[in-house]
Amino acid sequence: MSEEENIAVALNYNKDKDEAPKIVAKGYGEVAKRIIELAKENDIIIETNPMLAEALSGVELDETIPIELYEAVAEIIGFVLRTKNQL
């Protein structure tokens, strides 16, 4: 992937009110860089998974992820929770 083809997808999930994680931001190139910068500025854990990001990029903003991606996203959520617990 070239620099311009970098992709970032941000998810939000509240287990008490959401049926599944939602896409809250996504973009390529400069937009992707800005999403990553904002995540870092706000101490949000970042996981690099280009294939999953590409699959999630097809989901509209504020939509829940498709059931086909539940398992892959669950692994990311598990990673985030483990990382938070280690901090």
PDB file of N, CA and C in Angstrom:
ATOM      1  N   MET A   1       0.834  -1.188   0.000  1.00  0.00           N
ATOM      2  CA  MET A   1       0.000   0.000   0.000  1.00  0.00           C
ATOM      3  C   MET A   1       0.875   1.247   0.000  1.00  0.00           C
ATOM      4  N   SER A   2       0.541   2.188  -0.827  1.00  0.00           N
ATOM      5  CA  SER A   2       1.307   3.426  -0.840  1.00  0.00           C
ATOM      6  C   SER A   2       0.832   4.328   0.285  1.00  0.00           C
ATOM      7  N   GLU A   3       1.578   5.401   0.508  1.00  0.00           N
ATOM      8  CA  GLU A   3       1.244   6.356   1.576  1.00  0.00           C
ATOM      9  C   GLU A   3      -0.192   6.875   1.432  1.00  0.00           C
ATOM     10  N   GLU A   4      -0.610   7.155   0.161  1.00  0.00           N
ATOM     11  CA  GLU A   4      -1.941   7.704  -0.074  1.00  0.00           C
ATOM     12  C   GLU A   4      -3.041   6.677   0.192  1.00  0.00           C
ATOM     13  N   GLU A   5      -2.691   5.386   0.195  1.00  0.00           N
ATOM     14  CA  GLU A   5      -3.688   4.353   0.357  1.00  0.00           C
ATOM     15  C   GLU A   5      -3.848   3.901   1.807  1.00  0.00           C
ATOM     16  N   ASN A   6      -3.132   4.519   2.742  1.00  0.00           N
ATOM     17  CA  ASN A   6      -3.324   4.166   4.151  1.00  0.00           C
ATOM     18  C   ASN A   6      -4.786   4.364   4.514  1.00  0.00           C
ATOM     19  N   ILE A   7      -5.271   3.494   5.374  1.00  0.00           N
ATOM     20  CA  ILE A   7      -6.673   3.558   5.779  1.00  0.00           C
ATOM     21  C   ILE A   7      -6.761   3.483   7.299  1.00  0.00           C
ATOM     22  N   ALA A   8      -7.736   4.177   7.846  1.00  0.00           N
ATOM     23  CA  ALA A   8      -8.007   4.103   9.283  1.00  0.00           C
ATOM     24  C   ALA A   8      -9.516   4.007   9.468  1.00  0.00           C
ATOM     25  N   VAL A   9      -9.903   3.161  10.404  1.00  0.00           N
ATOM     26  CA  VAL A   9     -11.314   3.000  10.749  1.00  0.00           C
ATOM     27  C   VAL A   9     -11.406   3.039  12.267  1.00  0.00           C
ATOM     28  N   ALA A  10     -12.290   3.866  12.787  1.00  0.00           N
ATOM     29  CA  ALA A  10     -12.477   3.967  14.232  1.00  0.00           C
ATOM     30  C   ALA A  10     -13.818   3.340  14.606  1.00  0.00           C
ATOM     31  N   LEU A  11     -13.763   2.532  15.663  1.00  0.00           N
ATOM     32  CA  LEU A  11     -14.962   1.858  16.158  1.00  0.00           C
ATOM     33  C   LEU A  11     -15.322   2.371  17.545  1.00  0.00           C
ATOM     34  N   ASN A  12     -16.591   2.307  17.863  1.00  0.00           N
ATOM     35  CA  ASN A  12     -17.053   2.612  19.210  1.00  0.00           C
ATOM     36  C   ASN A  12     -18.019   1.502  19.614  1.00  0.00           C
ATOM     37  N   TYR A  13     -17.886   1.063  20.859  1.00  0.00           N
ATOM     38  CA  TYR A  13     -18.775   0.002  21.343  1.00  0.00           C
ATOM     39  C   TYR A  13     -19.053   0.197  22.820  1.00  0.00           C
ATOM     40  N   ASN A  14     -20.326   0.290  23.151  1.00  0.00           N
ATOM     41  CA  ASN A  14     -20.774   0.367  24.529  1.00  0.00           C
ATOM     42  C   ASN A  14     -21.599  -0.890  24.780  1.00  0.00           C
ATOM     43  N   LYS A  15     -21.016  -1.833  25.521  1.00  0.00           N
ATOM     44  CA  LYS A  15     -21.679  -3.131  25.701  1.00  0.00           C
ATOM     45  C   LYS A  15     -23.049  -3.014  26.361  1.00  0.00           C
ATOM     46  N   ASP A  16     -23.293  -1.922  27.074  1.00  0.00           N
ATOM     47  CA  ASP A  16     -24.575  -1.757  27.755  1.00  0.00           C
ATOM     48  C   ASP A  16     -25.677  -1.214  26.851  1.00  0.00           C
ATOM     49  N   LYS A  17     -25.307  -0.579  25.729  1.00  0.00           N
ATOM     50  CA  LYS A  17     -26.357   0.005  24.894  1.00  0.00           C
ATOM     51  C   LYS A  17     -26.269  -0.347  23.416  1.00  0.00           C
ATOM     52  N   ASP A  18     -25.131  -0.835  22.941  1.00  0.00           N
ATOM     53  CA  ASP A  18     -24.983  -1.148  21.524  1.00  0.00           C
ATOM     54  C   ASP A  18     -25.103  -2.642  21.275  1.00  0.00           C
ATOM     55  N   GLU A  19     -25.783  -2.992  20.203  1.00  0.00           N
ATOM     56  CA  GLU A  19     -25.888  -4.412  19.857  1.00  0.00           C
ATOM     57  C   GLU A  19     -24.577  -4.914  19.261  1.00  0.00           C
ATOM     58  N   ALA A  20     -23.825  -4.011  18.628  1.00  0.00           N
ATOM     59  CA  ALA A  20     -22.532  -4.361  18.037  1.00  0.00           C
ATOM     60  C   ALA A  20     -21.720  -3.074  17.893  1.00  0.00           C
ATOM     61  N   PRO A  21     -20.404  -3.186  17.688  1.00  0.00           N
ATOM     62  CA  PRO A  21     -19.589  -1.991  17.477  1.00  0.00           C
ATOM     63  C   PRO A  21     -20.066  -1.199  16.256  1.00  0.00           C
ATOM     64  N   LYS A  22     -19.868   0.109  16.306  1.00  0.00           N
ATOM     65  CA  LYS A  22     -20.255   0.998  15.210  1.00  0.00           C
ATOM     66  C   LYS A  22     -19.022   1.681  14.637  1.00  0.00           C
ATOM     67  N   ILE A  23     -19.101   2.005  13.366  1.00  0.00           N
ATOM     68  CA  ILE A  23     -18.055   2.776  12.695  1.00  0.00           C
ATOM     69  C   ILE A  23     -18.306   4.249  13.022  1.00  0.00           C
ATOM     70  N   VAL A  24     -17.334   4.905  13.655  1.00  0.00           N
ATOM     71  CA  VAL A  24     -17.512   6.311  14.014  1.00  0.00           C
ATOM     72  C   VAL A  24     -16.615   7.242  13.198  1.00  0.00           C
ATOM     73  N   ALA A  25     -15.634   6.682  12.506  1.00  0.00           N
ATOM     74  CA  ALA A  25     -14.789   7.476  11.616  1.00  0.00           C
ATOM     75  C   ALA A  25     -14.073   6.522  10.675  1.00  0.00           C
ATOM     76  N   LYS A  26     -13.810   6.998   9.460  1.00  0.00           N
ATOM     77  CA  LYS A  26     -13.046   6.199   8.512  1.00  0.00           C
ATOM     78  C   LYS A  26     -12.493   7.125   7.444  1.00  0.00           C
ATOM     79  N   GLY A  27     -11.380   6.720   6.873  1.00  0.00           N
ATOM     80  CA  GLY A  27     -10.821   7.528   5.806  1.00  0.00           C
ATOM     81  C   GLY A  27      -9.513   6.970   5.283  1.00  0.00           C
ATOM     82  N   TYR A  28      -9.099   7.502   4.163  1.00  0.00           N
ATOM     83  CA  TYR A  28      -7.852   7.128   3.499  1.00  0.00           C
ATOM     84  C   TYR A  28      -6.887   8.306   3.498  1.00  0.00           C
ATOM     85  N   GLY A  29      -5.610   8.021   3.302  1.00  0.00           N
ATOM     86  CA  GLY A  29      -4.600   9.057   3.122  1.00  0.00           C
ATOM     87  C   GLY A  29      -4.527  10.035   4.284  1.00  0.00           C
ATOM     88  N   GLU A  30      -4.687  11.314   3.965  1.00  0.00           N
ATOM     89  CA  GLU A  30      -4.581  12.361   4.984  1.00  0.00           C
ATOM     90  C   GLU A  30      -5.670  12.238   6.049  1.00  0.00           C
ATOM     91  N   VAL A  31      -6.855  11.823   5.651  1.00  0.00           N
ATOM     92  CA  VAL A  31      -7.937  11.644   6.627  1.00  0.00           C
ATOM     93  C   VAL A  31      -7.566  10.520   7.592  1.00  0.00           C
ATOM     94  N   ALA A  32      -6.999   9.448   7.066  1.00  0.00           N
ATOM     95  CA  ALA A  32      -6.560   8.334   7.920  1.00  0.00           C
ATOM     96  C   ALA A  32      -5.492   8.809   8.902  1.00  0.00           C
ATOM     97  N   LYS A  33      -4.553   9.587   8.418  1.00  0.00           N
ATOM     98  CA  LYS A  33      -3.503  10.125   9.306  1.00  0.00           C
ATOM     99  C   LYS A  33      -4.113  10.941  10.430  1.00  0.00           C
ATOM    100  N   ARG A  34      -5.106  11.749  10.104  1.00  0.00           N
ATOM    101  CA  ARG A  34      -5.739  12.605  11.120  1.00  0.00           C
ATOM    102  C   ARG A  34      -6.503  11.765  12.142  1.00  0.00           C
ATOM    103  N   ILE A  35      -7.176  10.721  11.687  1.00  0.00           N
ATOM    104  CA  ILE A  35      -7.881   9.828  12.613  1.00  0.00           C
ATOM    105  C   ILE A  35      -6.887   9.223  13.598  1.00  0.00           C
ATOM    106  N   ILE A  36      -5.748   8.784  13.084  1.00  0.00           N
ATOM    107  CA  ILE A  36      -4.720   8.182  13.934  1.00  0.00           C
ATOM    108  C   ILE A  36      -4.138   9.214  14.897  1.00  0.00           C
ATOM    109  N   GLU A  37      -3.882  10.427  14.408  1.00  0.00           N
ATOM    110  CA  GLU A  37      -3.376  11.497  15.286  1.00  0.00           C
ATOM    111  C   GLU A  37      -4.350  11.771  16.424  1.00  0.00           C
ATOM    112  N   LEU A  38      -5.634  11.879  16.100  1.00  0.00           N
ATOM    113  CA  LEU A  38      -6.645  12.149  17.131  1.00  0.00           C
ATOM    114  C   LEU A  38      -6.714  11.009  18.141  1.00  0.00           C
ATOM    115  N   ALA A  39      -6.593   9.780  17.664  1.00  0.00           N
ATOM    116  CA  ALA A  39      -6.605   8.638  18.575  1.00  0.00           C
ATOM    117  C   ALA A  39      -5.424   8.731  19.538  1.00  0.00           C
ATOM    118  N   LYS A  40      -4.254   9.022  19.014  1.00  0.00           N
ATOM    119  CA  LYS A  40      -3.062   9.143  19.861  1.00  0.00           C
ATOM    120  C   LYS A  40      -3.212  10.274  20.863  1.00  0.00           C
ATOM    121  N   GLU A  41      -3.719  11.428  20.402  1.00  0.00           N
ATOM    122  CA  GLU A  41      -3.901  12.581  21.289  1.00  0.00           C
ATOM    123  C   GLU A  41      -4.871  12.271  22.432  1.00  0.00           C
ATOM    124  N   ASN A  42      -5.787  11.356  22.190  1.00  0.00           N
ATOM    125  CA  ASN A  42      -6.809  11.022  23.184  1.00  0.00           C
ATOM    126  C   ASN A  42      -6.550   9.687  23.873  1.00  0.00           C
ATOM    127  N   ASP A  43      -5.308   9.213  23.767  1.00  0.00           N
ATOM    128  CA  ASP A  43      -4.894   7.956  24.405  1.00  0.00           C
ATOM    129  C   ASP A  43      -5.800   6.779  24.059  1.00  0.00           C
ATOM    130  N   ILE A  44      -6.226   6.725  22.804  1.00  0.00           N
ATOM    131  CA  ILE A  44      -7.032   5.610  22.322  1.00  0.00           C
ATOM    132  C   ILE A  44      -6.079   4.561  21.766  1.00  0.00           C
ATOM    133  N   ILE A  45      -6.293   3.322  22.156  1.00  0.00           N
ATOM    134  CA  ILE A  45      -5.429   2.230  21.716  1.00  0.00           C
ATOM    135  C   ILE A  45      -5.648   1.981  20.229  1.00  0.00           C
ATOM    136  N   ILE A  46      -4.549   1.828  19.507  1.00  0.00           N
ATOM    137  CA  ILE A  46      -4.588   1.624  18.060  1.00  0.00           C
ATOM    138  C   ILE A  46      -4.096   0.218  17.743  1.00  0.00           C
ATOM    139  N   GLU A  47      -4.846  -0.487  16.939  1.00  0.00           N
ATOM    140  CA  GLU A  47      -4.455  -1.816  16.455  1.00  0.00           C
ATOM    141  C   GLU A  47      -4.333  -1.725  14.942  1.00  0.00           C
ATOM    142  N   THR A  48      -3.229  -2.203  14.410  1.00  0.00           N
ATOM    143  CA  THR A  48      -3.006  -2.167  12.970  1.00  0.00           C
ATOM    144  C   THR A  48      -3.440  -3.493  12.360  1.00  0.00           C
ATOM    145  N   ASN A  49      -4.450  -3.422  11.501  1.00  0.00           N
ATOM    146  CA  ASN A  49      -4.954  -4.603  10.805  1.00  0.00           C
ATOM    147  C   ASN A  49      -5.529  -4.125   9.471  1.00  0.00           C
ATOM    148  N   PRO A  50      -4.654  -3.962   8.451  1.00  0.00           N
ATOM    149  CA  PRO A  50      -5.093  -3.403   7.168  1.00  0.00           C
ATOM    150  C   PRO A  50      -6.237  -4.166   6.495  1.00  0.00           C
ATOM    151  N   MET A  51      -6.216  -5.489   6.585  1.00  0.00           N
ATOM    152  CA  MET A  51      -7.279  -6.265   5.934  1.00  0.00           C
ATOM    153  C   MET A  51      -8.629  -6.017   6.593  1.00  0.00           C
ATOM    154  N   LEU A  52      -8.649  -5.971   7.920  1.00  0.00           N
ATOM    155  CA  LEU A  52      -9.899  -5.704   8.627  1.00  0.00           C
ATOM    156  C   LEU A  52     -10.347  -4.265   8.383  1.00  0.00           C
ATOM    157  N   ALA A  53      -9.406  -3.336   8.393  1.00  0.00           N
ATOM    158  CA  ALA A  53      -9.744  -1.930   8.125  1.00  0.00           C
ATOM    159  C   ALA A  53     -10.379  -1.785   6.746  1.00  0.00           C
ATOM    160  N   GLU A  54      -9.820  -2.472   5.766  1.00  0.00           N
ATOM    161  CA  GLU A  54     -10.380  -2.416   4.411  1.00  0.00           C
ATOM    162  C   GLU A  54     -11.794  -2.980   4.397  1.00  0.00           C
ATOM    163  N   ALA A  55     -12.018  -4.096   5.077  1.00  0.00           N
ATOM    164  CA  ALA A  55     -13.358  -4.689   5.139  1.00  0.00           C
ATOM    165  C   ALA A  55     -14.343  -3.751   5.841  1.00  0.00           C
ATOM    166  N   LEU A  56     -13.892  -3.114   6.917  1.00  0.00           N
ATOM    167  CA  LEU A  56     -14.765  -2.205   7.673  1.00  0.00           C
ATOM    168  C   LEU A  56     -15.023  -0.894   6.937  1.00  0.00           C
ATOM    169  N   SER A  57     -14.141  -0.531   6.018  1.00  0.00           N
ATOM    170  CA  SER A  57     -14.304   0.742   5.310  1.00  0.00           C
ATOM    171  C   SER A  57     -15.562   0.772   4.449  1.00  0.00           C
ATOM    172  N   GLY A  58     -16.102  -0.388   4.139  1.00  0.00           N
ATOM    173  CA  GLY A  58     -17.331  -0.437   3.357  1.00  0.00           C
ATOM    174  C   GLY A  58     -18.592  -0.207   4.167  1.00  0.00           C
ATOM    175  N   VAL A  59     -18.448  -0.160   5.492  1.00  0.00           N
ATOM    176  CA  VAL A  59     -19.598   0.071   6.373  1.00  0.00           C
ATOM    177  C   VAL A  59     -19.803   1.581   6.502  1.00  0.00           C
ATOM    178  N   GLU A  60     -21.045   2.006   6.411  1.00  0.00           N
ATOM    179  CA  GLU A  60     -21.358   3.431   6.527  1.00  0.00           C
ATOM    180  C   GLU A  60     -21.100   3.943   7.942  1.00  0.00           C
ATOM    181  N   LEU A  61     -20.812   5.230   8.060  1.00  0.00           N
ATOM    182  CA  LEU A  61     -20.612   5.857   9.367  1.00  0.00           C
ATOM    183  C   LEU A  61     -21.861   5.683  10.231  1.00  0.00           C
ATOM    184  N   ASP A  62     -21.641   5.438  11.505  1.00  0.00           N
ATOM    185  CA  ASP A  62     -22.687   5.261  12.515  1.00  0.00           C
ATOM    186  C   ASP A  62     -23.520   3.994  12.312  1.00  0.00           C
ATOM    187  N   GLU A  63     -23.035   3.087  11.458  1.00  0.00           N
ATOM    188  CA  GLU A  63     -23.694   1.800  11.264  1.00  0.00           C
ATOM    189  C   GLU A  63     -22.942   0.739  12.065  1.00  0.00           C
ATOM    190  N   THR A  64     -23.654  -0.283  12.504  1.00  0.00           N
ATOM    191  CA  THR A  64     -23.002  -1.384  13.203  1.00  0.00           C
ATOM    192  C   THR A  64     -22.262  -2.250  12.184  1.00  0.00           C
ATOM    193  N   ILE A  65     -21.247  -2.928  12.672  1.00  0.00           N
ATOM    194  CA  ILE A  65     -20.462  -3.786  11.793  1.00  0.00           C
ATOM    195  C   ILE A  65     -21.301  -4.985  11.359  1.00  0.00           C
ATOM    196  N   PRO A  66     -21.023  -5.540  10.179  1.00  0.00           N
ATOM    197  CA  PRO A  66     -21.778  -6.712   9.731  1.00  0.00           C
ATOM    198  C   PRO A  66     -21.401  -7.955  10.541  1.00  0.00           C
ATOM    199  N   ILE A  67     -22.340  -8.859  10.656  1.00  0.00           N
ATOM    200  CA  ILE A  67     -22.140 -10.062  11.465  1.00  0.00           C
ATOM    201  C   ILE A  67     -20.917 -10.858  10.997  1.00  0.00           C
ATOM    202  N   GLU A  68     -20.598 -10.795   9.713  1.00  0.00           N
ATOM    203  CA  GLU A  68     -19.453 -11.533   9.180  1.00  0.00           C
ATOM    204  C   GLU A  68     -18.132 -11.067   9.799  1.00  0.00           C
ATOM    205  N   LEU A  69     -18.114  -9.856  10.341  1.00  0.00           N
ATOM    206  CA  LEU A  69     -16.880  -9.307  10.908  1.00  0.00           C
ATOM    207  C   LEU A  69     -16.858  -9.338  12.431  1.00  0.00           C
ATOM    208  N   TYR A  70     -17.901  -9.891  13.053  1.00  0.00           N
ATOM    209  CA  TYR A  70     -17.969  -9.939  14.520  1.00  0.00           C
ATOM    210  C   TYR A  70     -16.741 -10.605  15.131  1.00  0.00           C
ATOM    211  N   GLU A  71     -16.358 -11.768  14.610  1.00  0.00           N
ATOM    212  CA  GLU A  71     -15.252 -12.505  15.218  1.00  0.00           C
ATOM    213  C   GLU A  71     -13.942 -11.713  15.135  1.00  0.00           C
ATOM    214  N   ALA A  72     -13.659 -11.142  13.966  1.00  0.00           N
ATOM    215  CA  ALA A  72     -12.422 -10.370  13.803  1.00  0.00           C
ATOM    216  C   ALA A  72     -12.417  -9.142  14.709  1.00  0.00           C
ATOM    217  N   VAL A  73     -13.556  -8.460  14.798  1.00  0.00           N
ATOM    218  CA  VAL A  73     -13.637  -7.271  15.643  1.00  0.00           C
ATOM    219  C   VAL A  73     -13.582  -7.664  17.118  1.00  0.00           C
ATOM    220  N   ALA A  74     -14.161  -8.792  17.469  1.00  0.00           N
ATOM    221  CA  ALA A  74     -14.094  -9.267  18.858  1.00  0.00           C
ATOM    222  C   ALA A  74     -12.639  -9.483  19.279  1.00  0.00           C
ATOM    223  N   GLU A  75     -11.818  -9.972  18.371  1.00  0.00           N
ATOM    224  CA  GLU A  75     -10.394 -10.138  18.673  1.00  0.00           C
ATOM    225  C   GLU A  75      -9.729  -8.788  18.943  1.00  0.00           C
ATOM    226  N   ILE A  76     -10.098  -7.782  18.181  1.00  0.00           N
ATOM    227  CA  ILE A  76      -9.552  -6.430  18.374  1.00  0.00           C
ATOM    228  C   ILE A  76     -10.017  -5.879  19.723  1.00  0.00           C
ATOM    229  N   ILE A  77     -11.289  -6.050  20.037  1.00  0.00           N
ATOM    230  CA  ILE A  77     -11.809  -5.574  21.326  1.00  0.00           C
ATOM    231  C   ILE A  77     -11.081  -6.275  22.468  1.00  0.00           C
ATOM    232  N   GLY A  78     -10.850  -7.559  22.331  1.00  0.00           N
ATOM    233  CA  GLY A  78     -10.092  -8.297  23.343  1.00  0.00           C
ATOM    234  C   GLY A  78      -8.685  -7.742  23.499  1.00  0.00           C
ATOM    235  N   PHE A  79      -8.031  -7.438  22.381  1.00  0.00           N
ATOM    236  CA  PHE A  79      -6.697  -6.837  22.413  1.00  0.00           C
ATOM    237  C   PHE A  79      -6.725  -5.504  23.156  1.00  0.00           C
ATOM    238  N   VAL A  80      -7.699  -4.675  22.846  1.00  0.00           N
ATOM    239  CA  VAL A  80      -7.815  -3.359  23.477  1.00  0.00           C
ATOM    240  C   VAL A  80      -8.027  -3.512  24.976  1.00  0.00           C
ATOM    241  N   LEU A  81      -8.911  -4.410  25.374  1.00  0.00           N
ATOM    242  CA  LEU A  81      -9.182  -4.611  26.805  1.00  0.00           C
ATOM    243  C   LEU A  81      -7.944  -5.131  27.543  1.00  0.00           C
ATOM    244  N   ARG A  82      -7.226  -6.073  26.935  1.00  0.00           N
ATOM    245  CA  ARG A  82      -6.004  -6.585  27.560  1.00  0.00           C
ATOM    246  C   ARG A  82      -4.951  -5.492  27.683  1.00  0.00           C
ATOM    247  N   THR A  83      -4.824  -4.674  26.645  1.00  0.00           N
ATOM    248  CA  THR A  83      -3.846  -3.588  26.646  1.00  0.00           C
ATOM    249  C   THR A  83      -4.202  -2.561  27.717  1.00  0.00           C
ATOM    250  N   LYS A  84      -5.474  -2.208  27.830  1.00  0.00           N
ATOM    251  CA  LYS A  84      -5.913  -1.253  28.863  1.00  0.00           C
ATOM    252  C   LYS A  84      -5.597  -1.783  30.246  1.00  0.00           C
ATOM    253  N   ASN A  85      -5.825  -3.068  30.453  1.00  0.00           N
ATOM    254  CA  ASN A  85      -5.581  -3.669  31.771  1.00  0.00           C
ATOM    255  C   ASN A  85      -4.090  -3.679  32.115  1.00  0.00           C
ATOM    256  N   GLN A  86      -3.227  -3.714  31.123  1.00  0.00           N
ATOM    257  CA  GLN A  86      -1.794  -3.715  31.361  1.00  0.00           C
ATOM    258  C   GLN A  86      -1.240  -2.326  31.653  1.00  0.00           C
ATOM    259  N   LEU A  87      -2.000  -1.305  31.265  1.00  0.00           N
ATOM    260  CA  LEU A  87      -1.516   0.077  31.460  1.00  0.00           C
ATOM    261  C   LEU A  87      -1.659   0.507  32.870  1.00  0.00           C
TER     262      LEU A  87
END
